[in-house]
Each structure stands twice: as C-alpha cells, then as structure tokens.
Amino acid sequence: MGRFCHLIRLFFMVTVVVGASSAARAQVQLLMLDEVGCVYCEQWTEEIGDAYHKTAEGKIAPLIRIDISDELPEYITLDSVGIYTPTFILLVDGQETGRITGYPGEDFFWWMLEVMLEKLPEQTELEGS
C-alpha cells in the first residue's frame, strides 16, 4: 500500500512538472558520487540503478554518476564536498538542493528521494524535454 501511495504522489508531481511553463523550467538531476569497489554503490546498482531511468523519479531527476575522486563539472555547485560513497545529491540547475549520504536500503532510499523531490520548484525540466 505504501509504494502505491508513493506512486500516486509521484504521478501528480510529474503532472505538475509537465504542465509547467517551458520557458522557466529548471534542470533537475540526481548526482551519484560513487567509486570502484564500493559495496553499497554496487548494492544500489543491483537494487535500483538498472531501472532508475525508467521510474517517475528517474524522469524527474535523471541520474548522473561521477567517481568521487573525479573533478566535478563546472556547472555543479555543492554545499560541501562528498566524503562517503555513495552520496546522492539532488541538483537544480547545477545547485545542490538535497543530499542522501550513503545507501540506506531500497525502501528508505525511495522515501528520502521522494521527500527531496517534493521540495522541487514547479518549473523543472524532465529528461527529453
């Protein structure tokens, strides 16, 4: 039942996002800081990663993965550097707006991501928009 309610809320979020004016849309991305050999990064990939881009969340905030030791693209501004892997950072126009440090498991990850997405401005750009 909880996952069903979660999907209903995301449907309405996507509906609001799609209806927003394209001229004022912000680009939303989910940055994942990971590294080779990180068992929690591998667990996230197995449980969520392969299907993430197909989910409502993945359409709202497409995933970009960057190794934690690599330099970030210039357009990304973080509140603080990433220390732990995985770290998931919600970006709006390259600016950090939320963060999940570590991988708390599938259920908590979806819930924490949903909380961050609910705080998004209405004008967001969907993947492919």
C-alpha atoms as a PDB file:
ATOM      1  CA  MET A   1       0.000   0.000   0.000  1.00  0.00           C
ATOM      2  CA  GLY A   2       2.843   2.419   0.861  1.00  0.00           C
ATOM      3  CA  ARG A   3       4.510   2.007  -2.545  1.00  0.00           C
ATOM      4  CA  PHE A   4       1.133   2.534  -4.271  1.00  0.00           C
ATOM      5  CA  CYS A   5       0.553   5.832  -2.430  1.00  0.00           C
ATOM      6  CA  HIS A   6       4.128   6.792  -3.295  1.00  0.00           C
ATOM      7  CA  LEU A   7       3.407   6.192  -6.990  1.00  0.00           C
ATOM      8  CA  ILE A   8       0.176   8.209  -6.854  1.00  0.00           C
ATOM      9  CA  ARG A   9       2.010  11.195  -5.317  1.00  0.00           C
ATOM     10  CA  LEU A  10       4.755  10.946  -7.943  1.00  0.00           C
ATOM     11  CA  PHE A  11       2.144  10.830 -10.713  1.00  0.00           C
ATOM     12  CA  PHE A  12       0.746  14.143  -9.502  1.00  0.00           C
ATOM     13  CA  MET A  13       4.251  15.602  -9.166  1.00  0.00           C
ATOM     14  CA  VAL A  14       5.023  14.617 -12.755  1.00  0.00           C
ATOM     15  CA  THR A  15       1.706  16.088 -13.894  1.00  0.00           C
ATOM     16  CA  VAL A  16       2.553  19.422 -12.263  1.00  0.00           C
ATOM     17  CA  VAL A  17       6.081  19.345 -13.658  1.00  0.00           C
ATOM     18  CA  VAL A  18       4.927  18.557 -17.198  1.00  0.00           C
ATOM     19  CA  GLY A  19       2.387  21.375 -17.054  1.00  0.00           C
ATOM     20  CA  ALA A  20       4.965  23.969 -16.012  1.00  0.00           C
ATOM     21  CA  SER A  21       5.957  26.696 -18.448  1.00  0.00           C
ATOM     22  CA  SER A  22       8.903  25.518 -20.549  1.00  0.00           C
ATOM     23  CA  ALA A  23      10.453  28.997 -20.644  1.00  0.00           C
ATOM     24  CA  ALA A  24      11.084  28.990 -16.884  1.00  0.00           C
ATOM     25  CA  ARG A  25      11.964  25.330 -16.338  1.00  0.00           C
ATOM     26  CA  ALA A  26      14.889  24.395 -14.151  1.00  0.00           C
ATOM     27  CA  GLN A  27      17.013  21.371 -14.965  1.00  0.00           C
ATOM     28  CA  VAL A  28      16.887  18.696 -12.256  1.00  0.00           C
ATOM     29  CA  GLN A  29      19.433  15.894 -11.938  1.00  0.00           C
ATOM     30  CA  LEU A  30      20.372  13.316  -9.336  1.00  0.00           C
ATOM     31  CA  LEU A  31      24.141  13.173  -8.947  1.00  0.00           C
ATOM     32  CA  MET A  32      25.537   9.936  -7.571  1.00  0.00           C
ATOM     33  CA  LEU A  33      29.063  10.078  -6.213  1.00  0.00           C
ATOM     34  CA  ASP A  34      30.481   6.574  -6.260  1.00  0.00           C
ATOM     35  CA  GLU A  35      33.764   4.725  -6.518  1.00  0.00           C
ATOM     36  CA  VAL A  36      35.086   1.400  -7.734  1.00  0.00           C
ATOM     37  CA  GLY A  37      34.863  -1.255  -5.036  1.00  0.00           C
ATOM     38  CA  CYS A  38      32.109   0.462  -3.030  1.00  0.00           C
ATOM     39  CA  VAL A  39      29.847  -2.403  -1.949  1.00  0.00           C
ATOM     40  CA  TYR A  40      26.961  -0.041  -1.182  1.00  0.00           C
ATOM     41  CA  CYS A  41      27.266   1.525  -4.653  1.00  0.00           C
ATOM     42  CA  GLU A  42      27.099  -1.970  -6.128  1.00  0.00           C
ATOM     43  CA  GLN A  43      24.087  -2.823  -3.947  1.00  0.00           C
ATOM     44  CA  TRP A  44      22.297   0.366  -5.109  1.00  0.00           C
ATOM     45  CA  THR A  45      23.048  -0.528  -8.730  1.00  0.00           C
ATOM     46  CA  GLU A  46      21.652  -4.040  -8.294  1.00  0.00           C
ATOM     47  CA  GLU A  47      18.516  -2.977  -6.407  1.00  0.00           C
ATOM     48  CA  ILE A  48      17.689   0.321  -8.097  1.00  0.00           C
ATOM     49  CA  GLY A  49      20.251   1.560 -10.584  1.00  0.00           C
ATOM     50  CA  ASP A  50      19.426  -0.556 -13.599  1.00  0.00           C
ATOM     51  CA  ALA A  51      15.762   0.529 -13.548  1.00  0.00           C
ATOM     52  CA  TYR A  52      16.120   4.055 -12.112  1.00  0.00           C
ATOM     53  CA  HIS A  53      15.863   5.809 -15.500  1.00  0.00           C
ATOM     54  CA  LYS A  54      12.510   4.078 -16.128  1.00  0.00           C
ATOM     55  CA  THR A  55      10.894   5.334 -12.899  1.00  0.00           C
ATOM     56  CA  ALA A  56       8.937   8.552 -12.346  1.00  0.00           C
ATOM     57  CA  GLU A  57      11.798   9.748 -10.150  1.00  0.00           C
ATOM     58  CA  GLY A  58      14.300   8.986 -12.894  1.00  0.00           C
ATOM     59  CA  LYS A  59      12.295  11.039 -15.359  1.00  0.00           C
ATOM     60  CA  ILE A  60      12.073  13.977 -12.942  1.00  0.00           C
ATOM     61  CA  ALA A  61      15.742  13.764 -11.912  1.00  0.00           C
ATOM     62  CA  PRO A  62      17.890  11.849 -14.422  1.00  0.00           C
ATOM     63  CA  LEU A  63      20.908  10.195 -12.824  1.00  0.00           C
ATOM     64  CA  ILE A  64      24.479  11.257 -13.466  1.00  0.00           C
ATOM     65  CA  ARG A  65      27.234   9.161 -11.898  1.00  0.00           C
ATOM     66  CA  ILE A  66      30.620  10.633 -11.108  1.00  0.00           C
ATOM     67  CA  ASP A  67      33.517   8.961  -9.332  1.00  0.00           C
ATOM     68  CA  ILE A  68      34.051  10.713  -6.007  1.00  0.00           C
ATOM     69  CA  SER A  69      37.733  11.322  -6.833  1.00  0.00           C
ATOM     70  CA  ASP A  70      36.955  12.965 -10.209  1.00  0.00           C
ATOM     71  CA  GLU A  71      36.606  16.695 -10.646  1.00  0.00           C
ATOM     72  CA  LEU A  72      33.010  17.883 -10.881  1.00  0.00           C
ATOM     73  CA  PRO A  73      31.798  19.686 -13.999  1.00  0.00           C
ATOM     74  CA  GLU A  74      31.966  23.474 -13.619  1.00  0.00           C
ATOM     75  CA  TYR A  75      28.183  23.861 -13.675  1.00  0.00           C
ATOM     76  CA  ILE A  76      27.780  21.864 -10.430  1.00  0.00           C
ATOM     77  CA  THR A  77      27.876  23.711  -7.086  1.00  0.00           C
ATOM     78  CA  LEU A  78      27.722  21.642  -3.905  1.00  0.00           C
ATOM     79  CA  ASP A  79      27.095  22.789  -0.340  1.00  0.00           C
ATOM     80  CA  SER A  80      30.020  20.606   0.762  1.00  0.00           C
ATOM     81  CA  VAL A  81      32.305  18.026  -0.796  1.00  0.00           C
ATOM     82  CA  GLY A  82      31.290  14.398  -0.913  1.00  0.00           C
ATOM     83  CA  ILE A  83      33.221  12.207   1.506  1.00  0.00           C
ATOM     84  CA  TYR A  84      31.283   8.930   1.548  1.00  0.00           C
ATOM     85  CA  THR A  85      30.068   6.697  -1.244  1.00  0.00           C
ATOM     86  CA  PRO A  86      27.501   6.516  -2.418  1.00  0.00           C
ATOM     87  CA  THR A  87      26.267  10.052  -1.944  1.00  0.00           C
ATOM     88  CA  PHE A  88      23.174  11.149  -3.881  1.00  0.00           C
ATOM     89  CA  ILE A  89      22.810  14.886  -4.476  1.00  0.00           C
ATOM     90  CA  LEU A  90      19.714  16.449  -5.980  1.00  0.00           C
ATOM     91  CA  LEU A  91      20.703  19.294  -8.299  1.00  0.00           C
ATOM     92  CA  VAL A  92      18.514  22.082  -9.649  1.00  0.00           C
ATOM     93  CA  ASP A  93      20.326  23.989 -12.384  1.00  0.00           C
ATOM     94  CA  GLY A  94      23.569  22.506 -11.039  1.00  0.00           C
ATOM     95  CA  GLN A  95      22.981  23.744  -7.464  1.00  0.00           C
ATOM     96  CA  GLU A  96      22.636  21.257  -4.611  1.00  0.00           C
ATOM     97  CA  THR A  97      19.142  21.221  -3.122  1.00  0.00           C
ATOM     98  CA  GLY A  98      19.226  17.949  -1.189  1.00  0.00           C
ATOM     99  CA  ARG A  99      21.508  15.077  -0.267  1.00  0.00           C
ATOM    100  CA  ILE A 100      21.380  11.429   0.779  1.00  0.00           C
ATOM    101  CA  THR A 101      24.673  10.274   2.270  1.00  0.00           C
ATOM    102  CA  GLY A 102      25.130   6.532   1.990  1.00  0.00           C
ATOM    103  CA  TYR A 103      22.671   3.937   0.780  1.00  0.00           C
ATOM    104  CA  PRO A 104      20.041   3.251   3.445  1.00  0.00           C
ATOM    105  CA  GLY A 105      18.419   0.376   1.541  1.00  0.00           C
ATOM    106  CA  GLU A 106      15.795   0.366  -1.196  1.00  0.00           C
ATOM    107  CA  ASP A 107      12.734   1.439   0.831  1.00  0.00           C
ATOM    108  CA  PHE A 108      14.453   4.280   2.675  1.00  0.00           C
ATOM    109  CA  PHE A 109      16.214   5.467  -0.482  1.00  0.00           C
ATOM    110  CA  TRP A 110      12.906   5.878  -2.354  1.00  0.00           C
ATOM    111  CA  TRP A 111      11.314   7.619   0.623  1.00  0.00           C
ATOM    112  CA  MET A 112      14.260  10.013   1.101  1.00  0.00           C
ATOM    113  CA  LEU A 113      14.360  10.783  -2.619  1.00  0.00           C
ATOM    114  CA  GLU A 114      10.611  11.435  -2.638  1.00  0.00           C
ATOM    115  CA  VAL A 115      10.999  13.920   0.224  1.00  0.00           C
ATOM    116  CA  MET A 116      13.663  15.806  -1.752  1.00  0.00           C
ATOM    117  CA  LEU A 117      11.602  15.772  -4.957  1.00  0.00           C
ATOM    118  CA  GLU A 118       8.518  17.126  -3.178  1.00  0.00           C
ATOM    119  CA  LYS A 119      10.520  20.277  -2.377  1.00  0.00           C
ATOM    120  CA  LEU A 120      11.343  20.981  -6.027  1.00  0.00           C
ATOM    121  CA  PRO A 121      10.166  24.191  -7.642  1.00  0.00           C
ATOM    122  CA  GLU A 122       7.245  23.637 -10.010  1.00  0.00           C
ATOM    123  CA  GLN A 123       9.291  24.629 -13.053  1.00  0.00           C
ATOM    124  CA  THR A 124      11.508  21.605 -13.626  1.00  0.00           C
ATOM    125  CA  GLU A 125      12.793  20.138 -16.837  1.00  0.00           C
ATOM    126  CA  LEU A 126      12.073  16.481 -17.477  1.00  0.00           C
ATOM    127  CA  GLU A 127      14.540  14.270 -19.297  1.00  0.00           C
ATOM    128  CA  GLY A 128      13.999  14.725 -23.006  1.00  0.00           C
ATOM    129  CA  SER A 129      12.048  17.992 -22.577  1.00  0.00           C
END
